[in-house]
Protein backbone atom coordinates (compact mmCIF):
# COMPACT_ATOMS: atom_id res chain seq x y z
CA MET A 1 2.44 149.53 141.94
CA THR A 2 1.30 146.65 143.91
CA VAL A 3 -0.33 143.66 142.04
CA VAL A 4 -3.71 142.93 143.42
CA ASP A 5 -5.50 139.73 142.86
CA HIS A 6 -9.46 140.60 141.80
CA PRO A 7 -11.48 137.37 141.70
CA SER A 8 -14.24 137.39 139.07
CA PRO A 9 -17.33 138.75 140.55
CA ARG A 10 -19.46 136.06 138.66
CA SER A 11 -20.69 133.05 140.37
CA PRO A 12 -19.10 129.58 139.32
CA VAL A 13 -20.78 127.36 136.82
CA GLU A 14 -20.27 124.14 135.15
CA LYS A 15 -17.27 124.62 132.87
CA LEU A 16 -17.39 123.84 128.94
CA SER A 17 -14.78 122.38 126.98
CA ILE A 18 -12.73 124.18 124.49
CA GLU A 19 -14.11 121.87 121.69
CA GLN A 20 -17.84 122.46 123.06
CA PHE A 21 -17.34 126.22 123.08
CA GLU A 22 -15.77 126.33 119.47
CA VAL A 23 -18.79 124.45 118.05
CA ILE A 24 -21.27 126.81 119.90
CA ALA A 25 -19.43 129.82 118.94
CA ARG A 26 -19.63 129.00 115.14
CA ALA A 27 -23.29 128.72 115.56
CA ALA A 28 -23.72 131.88 117.57
CA ALA A 29 -21.73 133.98 114.87
CA ARG A 30 -24.43 133.23 112.18
CA GLU A 31 -26.90 135.12 114.65
CA ASP A 32 -24.84 138.18 115.19
CA VAL A 33 -23.84 137.44 118.78
CA THR A 34 -20.07 136.99 119.79
CA LEU A 35 -19.19 134.63 122.37
CA GLU A 36 -16.04 134.18 124.45
CA TYR A 37 -14.64 131.56 126.66
CA LEU A 38 -12.91 132.94 130.05
CA ASN A 39 -12.27 131.07 132.94
CA GLY A 40 -14.13 128.09 131.78
CA GLN A 41 -17.25 130.21 131.33
CA LEU A 42 -19.34 131.05 128.31
CA GLU A 43 -19.34 134.87 127.73
CA ILE A 44 -22.03 136.43 125.59
CA ARG A 45 -21.20 139.80 123.76
CA THR A 46 -23.74 141.82 121.82
CA VAL A 47 -23.13 143.60 118.62
CA PRO A 48 -21.34 146.87 119.35
CA ASP A 49 -23.03 150.31 118.53
CA SER A 50 -21.77 152.83 116.42
CA ASP A 51 -19.74 154.90 118.85
CA HIS A 52 -17.85 151.85 119.81
CA ASN A 53 -16.77 151.27 116.27
CA ALA A 54 -16.01 154.81 115.74
CA ILE A 55 -13.63 154.80 118.62
CA LEU A 56 -12.01 151.74 117.22
CA MET A 57 -11.50 153.60 113.78
CA TRP A 58 -10.12 156.61 115.68
CA LEU A 59 -7.72 154.47 117.55
CA MET A 60 -6.62 152.72 114.40
CA ARG A 61 -5.68 156.01 112.69
CA GLN A 62 -3.66 157.16 115.85
CA PHE A 63 -1.71 154.03 115.68
CA MET A 64 -1.08 154.31 112.07
CA ALA A 65 0.34 157.63 112.50
CA PHE A 66 3.05 156.20 114.72
CA ARG A 67 3.48 152.61 113.73
CA ALA A 68 2.93 151.96 109.88
CA ASP A 69 4.63 148.46 110.84
CA LEU A 70 1.54 147.43 112.83
CA ASP A 71 -2.06 146.63 112.24
CA LEU A 72 -4.92 147.19 114.41
CA ASN A 73 -7.10 144.47 113.75
CA VAL A 74 -10.67 145.15 114.49
CA THR A 75 -12.31 142.21 112.56
CA GLY A 76 -13.17 140.06 115.42
CA GLN A 77 -10.20 137.90 115.06
CA GLY A 78 -10.14 135.28 117.93
CA LEU A 79 -7.42 134.79 120.15
CA LYS A 80 -6.18 131.83 122.57
CA VAL A 81 -5.84 133.51 125.92
CA ASP A 82 -5.72 132.38 129.65
CA SER A 83 -3.12 130.25 131.23
CA TYR A 84 -2.04 127.68 128.90
CA ARG A 85 -4.18 129.16 126.24
CA LYS A 86 -7.37 127.57 127.29
CA GLY A 87 -9.52 130.66 126.84
CA ARG A 88 -11.07 132.16 123.61
CA ALA A 89 -11.35 135.96 123.39
CA ARG A 90 -12.27 138.48 120.58
CA PRO A 91 -10.71 141.68 121.59
CA ASP A 92 -12.06 144.65 120.07
CA GLY A 93 -8.79 145.58 118.68
CA ILE A 94 -5.51 143.40 118.38
CA LEU A 95 -2.22 145.49 117.76
CA ALA A 96 0.31 143.36 116.03
CA PRO A 97 2.86 143.30 113.26
CA VAL A 98 1.27 143.41 109.48
CA ASP A 99 0.12 140.21 108.43
CA HIS A 100 0.66 138.61 111.96
CA PHE A 101 -2.62 136.87 111.74
CA SER A 102 -2.20 135.57 108.17
CA GLY A 103 -2.78 131.57 108.04
CA GLN A 104 -3.57 131.43 111.98
CA GLY A 105 -7.31 130.56 111.37
CA GLU A 106 -10.12 131.77 113.71
CA TRP A 107 -8.53 131.47 116.87
CA ALA A 108 -4.98 132.40 116.90
CA ASP A 109 -2.19 132.08 119.38
CA SER A 110 -1.62 135.41 121.20
CA GLU A 111 2.27 135.03 120.96
CA GLY A 112 3.52 138.11 119.09
CA VAL A 113 0.57 140.29 119.92
CA LEU A 114 1.71 143.71 120.99
CA ALA A 115 -1.52 145.09 122.67
CA VAL A 116 -5.20 144.28 122.78
CA VAL A 117 -7.91 147.00 122.88
CA GLU A 118 -11.28 146.73 124.71
CA VAL A 119 -14.00 149.35 124.54
CA THR A 120 -16.78 149.11 127.28
CA SER A 121 -20.23 148.34 126.22
CA TRP A 122 -23.44 149.35 127.78
CA ASP A 123 -24.13 145.91 129.10
CA SER A 124 -24.30 144.43 132.90
CA ASP A 125 -21.40 142.28 132.30
CA THR A 126 -18.94 145.19 131.43
CA ASN A 127 -17.27 145.41 134.93
CA ALA A 128 -16.74 141.56 135.30
CA ARG A 129 -15.69 140.90 131.51
CA ASP A 130 -13.71 143.97 130.57
CA ARG A 131 -12.17 145.30 133.65
CA VAL A 132 -11.42 142.08 135.62
CA GLU A 133 -11.51 138.71 133.59
CA LYS A 134 -10.23 139.97 130.39
CA ALA A 135 -7.12 141.88 132.01
CA GLN A 136 -6.43 138.75 133.95
CA ALA A 137 -6.78 136.47 130.58
CA TYR A 138 -4.31 138.99 128.58
CA ALA A 139 -1.68 139.37 131.43
CA ALA A 140 -1.81 135.42 131.88
CA SER A 141 -1.11 135.19 127.95
CA GLY A 142 1.80 137.57 128.11
CA ILE A 143 0.22 140.35 126.15
CA GLY A 144 2.41 143.32 126.84
CA VAL A 145 -0.49 146.00 126.81
CA TYR A 146 -4.01 145.98 127.41
CA LEU A 147 -5.88 149.23 126.61
CA LEU A 148 -9.21 149.65 128.05
CA ILE A 149 -11.34 152.59 126.67
CA ASP A 150 -14.04 152.90 129.51
CA ARG A 151 -17.20 154.64 128.38
CA ASP A 152 -18.64 154.72 131.76
CA ASP A 153 -16.23 157.25 133.09
CA ASP A 154 -14.65 158.51 129.84
CA SER A 155 -11.27 157.33 130.66
CA VAL A 156 -8.38 155.22 129.09
CA THR A 157 -6.54 152.47 131.19
CA VAL A 158 -3.32 151.17 130.24
CA HIS A 159 -2.40 148.00 131.76
CA GLY A 160 1.24 146.90 131.31
CA GLU A 161 4.09 144.82 132.57
CA PRO A 162 2.41 141.27 132.74
CA VAL A 163 3.91 138.98 135.32
CA GLU A 164 2.51 135.80 136.66
CA GLY A 165 -0.87 136.51 135.24
CA ARG A 166 -1.38 140.19 136.45
CA TYR A 167 -0.66 143.48 134.97
CA ARG A 168 1.86 145.19 137.35
CA SER A 169 1.36 148.84 135.89
CA ILE A 170 -2.07 150.31 135.59
CA THR A 171 -2.78 153.86 134.61
CA THR A 172 -5.87 155.29 134.21
CA LEU A 173 -6.55 158.88 132.67
CA GLY A 174 -9.54 160.89 131.83
CA TYR A 175 -10.15 161.65 128.01
CA GLY A 176 -8.21 164.44 126.77
CA HIS A 177 -4.83 163.47 128.66
CA THR A 178 -1.98 161.97 126.71
CA VAL A 179 -1.42 158.23 127.10
CA GLU A 180 2.04 156.82 126.73
CA LEU A 181 2.74 153.46 125.29
CA ALA A 182 6.03 153.61 125.72
CA ASP A 183 7.07 150.08 124.99
CA LEU A 184 5.54 150.54 121.51
CA GLY A 185 6.70 153.85 120.77
CA ILE A 186 3.36 155.25 120.64
CA THR A 187 1.59 158.33 122.25
CA LEU A 188 -2.07 158.96 122.19
CA ASN A 189 -3.78 162.34 122.74
CA THR A 190 -7.09 161.35 123.74
CA ASP A 191 -8.77 164.57 123.28
CA GLY A 192 -10.62 162.95 120.21
CA LEU A 193 -12.50 160.64 122.48
CA LYS A 194 -14.39 163.38 123.97
CA ARG A 195 -16.88 163.54 120.98
CA TYR A 196 -17.93 160.00 122.13
CA SER A 197 -18.98 160.98 125.53
CA ARG A 198 -22.54 160.52 126.57
């Protein structure tokens, strides 16, 4: 598969510093809004809906059945992402060894993270954020697998083989197919996701 560069579809704005972002993010957390910082831009995420959370719980059970030595962190743990870890993201799920984040604080380094999971939301920024910007940020951080549960078209996309800030392997399958995360020794039967289709 050929690596293709997908520039962000957003228009450029003045960039914030990491320090400015972290102050704003702490304040926003008290108002039930999640903020992220990708490509020097402030990203606003709304509180997820119940199906969004149910999908993450379903996925957690799937991962635990294959790998009891791993945790799927769905608590909003922050990660330092992008080139040189200058971005800040809160993936919907982070697959890492048990207790990996112990003592790392609010914004953990992405080193040692095996996979990240995002479940699309019903907002206007989903395409730019989940399909483009986060794929680039996670690949640039060297995270081996980016799993995108896309509720817009009932599909699961597995991004793998991060090289030079891009995922070289991208496979998209509809709900109901078997999805292999071969590097992790995990096989997902995505039939259970059909119950969350709209």
